[in-house]
Amino acid sequence: MTTERPGEPRLVGRLPRLTGALLLAALAAGLAGDAGAKVFYSVDEALQLVFPDASTIEEETLSLSEPEAHQVESLARARLESRRIPVHVGKHDQKVLGYAMVDVHVVRTQPEAVLVVLGPEGTVASTILLAFGEPLDYLPPGRWLRQFDRKTLTPDLALGQGIAAITGATLSAYGITDSVRRALAVYQVMLAAKHR
């Protein structure tokens, strides 16, 4: 399910539809006001790419209790920005194909938005960069993102261990790795019981 980014990213001002969780998070992080921010996919475009066989893509918002949020942060070894987590659920005839979560975080001084897609069993199906506010020199390549495919939440899912580091894009790589760990931890705490 991994998809390469198009060669020429679009500027935020030309984005057709930046919707849902990404819009709110991007506005809060200042992405929408940064004319230099690169947007590769809208949430809707990315969801259509990662769930091509879905008859429906439903959005649900998980509301984590304080203990659940603490458990997610402990498993992810990364801080949650909110205890409300929007999750896009791809389904075909009511069968769950997977879960997609948008994670927006600041790299150095500008945000990046990542879509982490998990299979129904909780393994990473794909990781797609939606938007990037830092200079493109700090942008991790698509082949680096593919190393998350088929990963689960294990202790070695960390930069310099099970995930290769990137010279010149270290902060971006840490941010994306944390995004993947957060999504996997949310799955483990909030969604895994649905598939046992």
C-alpha atoms as a PDB file:
ATOM      1  CA  MET A   1       0.000   0.000   0.000  1.00  0.00           C
ATOM      2  CA  THR A   2       2.977   2.345   0.031  1.00  0.00           C
ATOM      3  CA  THR A   3       2.637   5.181  -2.443  1.00  0.00           C
ATOM      4  CA  GLU A   4       5.382   7.420  -3.780  1.00  0.00           C
ATOM      5  CA  ARG A   5       4.855  11.155  -3.500  1.00  0.00           C
ATOM      6  CA  PRO A   6       4.351  13.066  -6.729  1.00  0.00           C
ATOM      7  CA  GLY A   7       7.449  14.780  -8.095  1.00  0.00           C
ATOM      8  CA  GLU A   8       6.222  18.347  -7.599  1.00  0.00           C
ATOM      9  CA  PRO A   9       4.394  18.998  -4.322  1.00  0.00           C
ATOM     10  CA  ARG A  10       1.576  21.533  -4.364  1.00  0.00           C
ATOM     11  CA  LEU A  11       1.597  24.675  -2.277  1.00  0.00           C
ATOM     12  CA  VAL A  12      -0.943  24.927   0.514  1.00  0.00           C
ATOM     13  CA  GLY A  13      -2.798  27.756  -1.252  1.00  0.00           C
ATOM     14  CA  ARG A  14      -3.608  25.421  -4.157  1.00  0.00           C
ATOM     15  CA  LEU A  15      -4.807  22.477  -2.073  1.00  0.00           C
ATOM     16  CA  PRO A  16      -8.278  21.344  -3.195  1.00  0.00           C
ATOM     17  CA  ARG A  17      -9.455  19.784   0.077  1.00  0.00           C
ATOM     18  CA  LEU A  18      -7.515  19.720   3.331  1.00  0.00           C
ATOM     19  CA  THR A  19     -10.190  18.190   5.551  1.00  0.00           C
ATOM     20  CA  GLY A  20     -10.954  16.621   8.886  1.00  0.00           C
ATOM     21  CA  ALA A  21      -8.314  16.073  11.504  1.00  0.00           C
ATOM     22  CA  LEU A  22      -5.497  17.326   9.265  1.00  0.00           C
ATOM     23  CA  LEU A  23      -7.167  20.699   8.718  1.00  0.00           C
ATOM     24  CA  LEU A  24      -7.724  21.305  12.423  1.00  0.00           C
ATOM     25  CA  ALA A  25      -4.294  20.083  13.430  1.00  0.00           C
ATOM     26  CA  ALA A  26      -2.583  21.953  10.585  1.00  0.00           C
ATOM     27  CA  LEU A  27      -4.300  25.204  11.479  1.00  0.00           C
ATOM     28  CA  ALA A  28      -3.298  24.760  15.117  1.00  0.00           C
ATOM     29  CA  ALA A  29       0.287  24.059  14.093  1.00  0.00           C
ATOM     30  CA  GLY A  30       0.406  26.946  11.621  1.00  0.00           C
ATOM     31  CA  LEU A  31       0.794  24.828   8.481  1.00  0.00           C
ATOM     32  CA  ALA A  32      -2.087  26.409   6.579  1.00  0.00           C
ATOM     33  CA  GLY A  33      -0.606  29.879   7.058  1.00  0.00           C
ATOM     34  CA  ASP A  34       2.858  28.934   5.778  1.00  0.00           C
ATOM     35  CA  ALA A  35       3.032  29.680   2.051  1.00  0.00           C
ATOM     36  CA  GLY A  36       6.183  27.539   1.756  1.00  0.00           C
ATOM     37  CA  ALA A  37       4.630  24.389   3.194  1.00  0.00           C
ATOM     38  CA  LYS A  38       4.549  21.458   0.771  1.00  0.00           C
ATOM     39  CA  VAL A  39       1.336  19.429   0.642  1.00  0.00           C
ATOM     40  CA  PHE A  40       1.656  16.116  -1.155  1.00  0.00           C
ATOM     41  CA  TYR A  41      -1.819  14.664  -0.528  1.00  0.00           C
ATOM     42  CA  SER A  42      -5.055  15.797   1.057  1.00  0.00           C
ATOM     43  CA  VAL A  43      -6.431  13.380   3.642  1.00  0.00           C
ATOM     44  CA  ASP A  44      -9.173  12.308   1.209  1.00  0.00           C
ATOM     45  CA  GLU A  45      -6.677  11.631  -1.595  1.00  0.00           C
ATOM     46  CA  ALA A  46      -4.425   9.594   0.683  1.00  0.00           C
ATOM     47  CA  LEU A  47      -7.344   7.569   2.073  1.00  0.00           C
ATOM     48  CA  GLN A  48      -8.458   6.677  -1.463  1.00  0.00           C
ATOM     49  CA  LEU A  49      -4.891   5.522  -2.228  1.00  0.00           C
ATOM     50  CA  VAL A  50      -4.500   3.357   0.866  1.00  0.00           C
ATOM     51  CA  PHE A  51      -8.027   1.888   0.834  1.00  0.00           C
ATOM     52  CA  PRO A  52      -8.705   1.362  -2.909  1.00  0.00           C
ATOM     53  CA  ASP A  53     -11.031  -1.608  -2.257  1.00  0.00           C
ATOM     54  CA  ALA A  54     -13.058   0.055   0.492  1.00  0.00           C
ATOM     55  CA  SER A  55     -16.787   0.403  -0.010  1.00  0.00           C
ATOM     56  CA  THR A  56     -16.795   2.910   2.880  1.00  0.00           C
ATOM     57  CA  ILE A  57     -14.230   4.886   4.828  1.00  0.00           C
ATOM     58  CA  GLU A  58     -15.661   5.894   8.174  1.00  0.00           C
ATOM     59  CA  GLU A  59     -14.185   8.391  10.593  1.00  0.00           C
ATOM     60  CA  GLU A  60     -14.547   7.746  14.286  1.00  0.00           C
ATOM     61  CA  THR A  61     -13.017   9.669  17.143  1.00  0.00           C
ATOM     62  CA  LEU A  62     -11.542   7.676  19.996  1.00  0.00           C
ATOM     63  CA  SER A  63     -11.797   9.427  23.345  1.00  0.00           C
ATOM     64  CA  LEU A  64      -9.063   8.140  25.599  1.00  0.00           C
ATOM     65  CA  SER A  65      -9.450   8.240  29.347  1.00  0.00           C
ATOM     66  CA  GLU A  66      -6.509   9.592  31.318  1.00  0.00           C
ATOM     67  CA  PRO A  67      -5.261   6.052  32.147  1.00  0.00           C
ATOM     68  CA  GLU A  68      -5.648   4.990  28.480  1.00  0.00           C
ATOM     69  CA  ALA A  69      -3.725   8.075  27.300  1.00  0.00           C
ATOM     70  CA  HIS A  70      -0.980   7.336  29.835  1.00  0.00           C
ATOM     71  CA  GLN A  71      -0.819   3.734  28.611  1.00  0.00           C
ATOM     72  CA  VAL A  72      -0.557   4.877  24.963  1.00  0.00           C
ATOM     73  CA  GLU A  73       2.234   7.337  25.820  1.00  0.00           C
ATOM     74  CA  SER A  74       4.075   4.694  27.808  1.00  0.00           C
ATOM     75  CA  LEU A  75       3.871   2.130  24.990  1.00  0.00           C
ATOM     76  CA  ALA A  76       4.712   4.680  22.288  1.00  0.00           C
ATOM     77  CA  ARG A  77       7.451   6.344  24.323  1.00  0.00           C
ATOM     78  CA  ALA A  78       6.055   9.546  22.818  1.00  0.00           C
ATOM     79  CA  ARG A  79       3.692  12.242  24.046  1.00  0.00           C
ATOM     80  CA  LEU A  80       0.084  12.538  22.822  1.00  0.00           C
ATOM     81  CA  GLU A  81      -1.083  16.016  21.826  1.00  0.00           C
ATOM     82  CA  SER A  82      -4.717  15.157  22.549  1.00  0.00           C
ATOM     83  CA  ARG A  83      -6.763  12.413  24.161  1.00  0.00           C
ATOM     84  CA  ARG A  84      -9.163  12.591  21.199  1.00  0.00           C
ATOM     85  CA  ILE A  85      -7.807  10.538  18.298  1.00  0.00           C
ATOM     86  CA  PRO A  86      -9.572  10.606  14.903  1.00  0.00           C
ATOM     87  CA  VAL A  87      -9.315   7.233  13.146  1.00  0.00           C
ATOM     88  CA  HIS A  88     -10.348   6.520   9.551  1.00  0.00           C
ATOM     89  CA  VAL A  89     -11.623   2.957   9.171  1.00  0.00           C
ATOM     90  CA  GLY A  90     -11.585   1.438   5.691  1.00  0.00           C
ATOM     91  CA  LYS A  91     -14.265  -1.217   5.240  1.00  0.00           C
ATOM     92  CA  HIS A  92     -15.507  -3.484   2.477  1.00  0.00           C
ATOM     93  CA  ASP A  93     -18.986  -4.869   3.145  1.00  0.00           C
ATOM     94  CA  GLN A  94     -18.528  -4.163   6.878  1.00  0.00           C
ATOM     95  CA  LYS A  95     -15.218  -6.069   6.974  1.00  0.00           C
ATOM     96  CA  VAL A  96     -12.428  -3.853   8.348  1.00  0.00           C
ATOM     97  CA  LEU A  97      -9.595  -3.429   5.847  1.00  0.00           C
ATOM     98  CA  GLY A  98      -7.518  -1.192   8.093  1.00  0.00           C
ATOM     99  CA  TYR A  99      -7.150   1.936  10.168  1.00  0.00           C
ATOM    100  CA  ALA A 100      -5.548   5.243   9.195  1.00  0.00           C
ATOM    101  CA  MET A 101      -4.454   7.946  11.621  1.00  0.00           C
ATOM    102  CA  VAL A 102      -3.139  11.411  10.803  1.00  0.00           C
ATOM    103  CA  ASP A 103      -0.330  12.619  13.048  1.00  0.00           C
ATOM    104  CA  VAL A 104       0.776  16.263  12.853  1.00  0.00           C
ATOM    105  CA  HIS A 105       3.869  17.328  14.783  1.00  0.00           C
ATOM    106  CA  VAL A 106       6.585  19.979  14.637  1.00  0.00           C
ATOM    107  CA  VAL A 107       9.953  18.880  13.227  1.00  0.00           C
ATOM    108  CA  ARG A 108      12.277  21.812  13.975  1.00  0.00           C
ATOM    109  CA  THR A 109      10.073  24.878  13.759  1.00  0.00           C
ATOM    110  CA  GLN A 110       7.541  23.751  11.128  1.00  0.00           C
ATOM    111  CA  PRO A 111       4.995  20.912  11.085  1.00  0.00           C
ATOM    112  CA  GLU A 112       4.839  17.705   9.127  1.00  0.00           C
ATOM    113  CA  ALA A 113       1.705  15.599   8.704  1.00  0.00           C
ATOM    114  CA  VAL A 114       1.935  11.830   8.408  1.00  0.00           C
ATOM    115  CA  LEU A 115      -0.760   9.262   7.616  1.00  0.00           C
ATOM    116  CA  VAL A 116      -0.042   5.960   9.355  1.00  0.00           C
ATOM    117  CA  VAL A 117      -2.090   3.061   7.991  1.00  0.00           C
ATOM    118  CA  LEU A 118      -2.477  -0.151   9.982  1.00  0.00           C
ATOM    119  CA  GLY A 119      -3.925  -3.458   8.871  1.00  0.00           C
ATOM    120  CA  PRO A 120      -6.810  -4.903  10.907  1.00  0.00           C
ATOM    121  CA  GLU A 121      -4.319  -7.080  12.805  1.00  0.00           C
ATOM    122  CA  GLY A 122      -2.257  -4.053  13.881  1.00  0.00           C
ATOM    123  CA  THR A 123       0.768  -4.119  11.580  1.00  0.00           C
ATOM    124  CA  VAL A 124       1.866  -1.066   9.604  1.00  0.00           C
ATOM    125  CA  ALA A 125       0.500  -1.251   6.060  1.00  0.00           C
ATOM    126  CA  SER A 126       1.971   2.063   4.907  1.00  0.00           C
ATOM    127  CA  THR A 127       3.284   5.425   6.043  1.00  0.00           C
ATOM    128  CA  ILE A 128       2.567   8.416   3.833  1.00  0.00           C
ATOM    129  CA  LEU A 129       3.849  11.939   4.220  1.00  0.00           C
ATOM    130  CA  LEU A 130       0.901  14.291   3.638  1.00  0.00           C
ATOM    131  CA  ALA A 131       2.530  17.672   4.232  1.00  0.00           C
ATOM    132  CA  PHE A 132       5.946  19.028   5.142  1.00  0.00           C
ATOM    133  CA  GLY A 133       6.702  22.546   6.347  1.00  0.00           C
ATOM    134  CA  GLU A 134      10.491  22.305   6.677  1.00  0.00           C
ATOM    135  CA  PRO A 135      12.931  22.766   3.752  1.00  0.00           C
ATOM    136  CA  LEU A 136      12.858  19.771   1.406  1.00  0.00           C
ATOM    137  CA  ASP A 137      16.485  19.007   2.336  1.00  0.00           C
ATOM    138  CA  TYR A 138      15.066  17.540   5.578  1.00  0.00           C
ATOM    139  CA  LEU A 139      12.461  15.389   3.797  1.00  0.00           C
ATOM    140  CA  PRO A 140      12.896  11.624   4.265  1.00  0.00           C
ATOM    141  CA  PRO A 141      12.676   9.694   0.969  1.00  0.00           C
ATOM    142  CA  GLY A 142       9.847   7.278   0.174  1.00  0.00           C
ATOM    143  CA  ARG A 143      12.170   4.270   0.397  1.00  0.00           C
ATOM    144  CA  TRP A 144      12.966   5.249   4.009  1.00  0.00           C
ATOM    145  CA  LEU A 145       9.239   5.375   4.834  1.00  0.00           C
ATOM    146  CA  ARG A 146       8.778   1.838   3.445  1.00  0.00           C
ATOM    147  CA  GLN A 147      10.919   0.348   6.208  1.00  0.00           C
ATOM    148  CA  PHE A 148       7.910   0.766   8.555  1.00  0.00           C
ATOM    149  CA  ASP A 149       5.813  -1.612   6.422  1.00  0.00           C
ATOM    150  CA  ARG A 150       4.773  -4.778   8.301  1.00  0.00           C
ATOM    151  CA  LYS A 151       6.220  -3.447  11.581  1.00  0.00           C
ATOM    152  CA  THR A 152       4.506  -3.875  14.946  1.00  0.00           C
ATOM    153  CA  LEU A 153       5.080  -2.107  18.238  1.00  0.00           C
ATOM    154  CA  THR A 154       8.316  -3.668  19.454  1.00  0.00           C
ATOM    155  CA  PRO A 155      11.153  -2.188  21.537  1.00  0.00           C
ATOM    156  CA  ASP A 156      13.441  -2.008  18.486  1.00  0.00           C
ATOM    157  CA  LEU A 157      10.966   0.143  16.515  1.00  0.00           C
ATOM    158  CA  ALA A 158      13.259   3.097  17.104  1.00  0.00           C
ATOM    159  CA  LEU A 159      15.660   5.213  15.121  1.00  0.00           C
ATOM    160  CA  GLY A 160      19.115   3.632  15.042  1.00  0.00           C
ATOM    161  CA  GLN A 161      17.735   0.230  16.051  1.00  0.00           C
ATOM    162  CA  GLY A 162      15.073  -1.381  13.823  1.00  0.00           C
ATOM    163  CA  ILE A 163      14.704   1.877  11.855  1.00  0.00           C
ATOM    164  CA  ALA A 164      17.661   3.280   9.905  1.00  0.00           C
ATOM    165  CA  ALA A 165      18.733   6.824  10.685  1.00  0.00           C
ATOM    166  CA  ILE A 166      18.940   9.469   7.954  1.00  0.00           C
ATOM    167  CA  THR A 167      21.826  11.897   7.728  1.00  0.00           C
ATOM    168  CA  GLY A 168      20.482  15.434   7.400  1.00  0.00           C
ATOM    169  CA  ALA A 169      16.899  14.500   8.267  1.00  0.00           C
ATOM    170  CA  THR A 170      17.292  13.228  11.810  1.00  0.00           C
ATOM    171  CA  LEU A 171      14.518  15.325  13.374  1.00  0.00           C
ATOM    172  CA  SER A 172      12.078  14.410  10.589  1.00  0.00           C
ATOM    173  CA  ALA A 173      12.941  10.745  11.051  1.00  0.00           C
ATOM    174  CA  TYR A 174      12.406  10.949  14.828  1.00  0.00           C
ATOM    175  CA  GLY A 175       9.054  12.659  14.279  1.00  0.00           C
ATOM    176  CA  ILE A 176       7.810  10.060  11.804  1.00  0.00           C
ATOM    177  CA  THR A 177       9.024   7.186  13.975  1.00  0.00           C
ATOM    178  CA  ASP A 178       7.123   8.668  16.931  1.00  0.00           C
ATOM    179  CA  SER A 179       4.025   9.016  14.698  1.00  0.00           C
ATOM    180  CA  VAL A 180       4.166   5.323  13.815  1.00  0.00           C
ATOM    181  CA  ARG A 181       4.746   4.308  17.448  1.00  0.00           C
ATOM    182  CA  ARG A 182       1.781   6.462  18.585  1.00  0.00           C
ATOM    183  CA  ALA A 183      -0.536   4.897  15.982  1.00  0.00           C
ATOM    184  CA  LEU A 184       0.541   1.379  16.931  1.00  0.00           C
ATOM    185  CA  ALA A 185       0.076   2.157  20.636  1.00  0.00           C
ATOM    186  CA  VAL A 186      -3.412   3.595  20.006  1.00  0.00           C
ATOM    187  CA  TYR A 187      -4.250   0.422  18.105  1.00  0.00           C
ATOM    188  CA  GLN A 188      -2.959  -1.793  20.918  1.00  0.00           C
ATOM    189  CA  VAL A 189      -4.832   0.074  23.666  1.00  0.00           C
ATOM    190  CA  MET A 190      -8.065   0.999  21.868  1.00  0.00           C
ATOM    191  CA  LEU A 191      -8.619  -1.157  18.769  1.00  0.00           C
ATOM    192  CA  ALA A 192      -6.923  -4.548  19.114  1.00  0.00           C
ATOM    193  CA  ALA A 193      -9.734  -6.037  21.229  1.00  0.00           C
ATOM    194  CA  LYS A 194     -12.117  -5.671  18.256  1.00  0.00           C
ATOM    195  CA  HIS A 195     -10.044  -8.222  16.277  1.00  0.00           C
ATOM    196  CA  ARG A 196      -9.478 -10.960  18.817  1.00  0.00           C
END
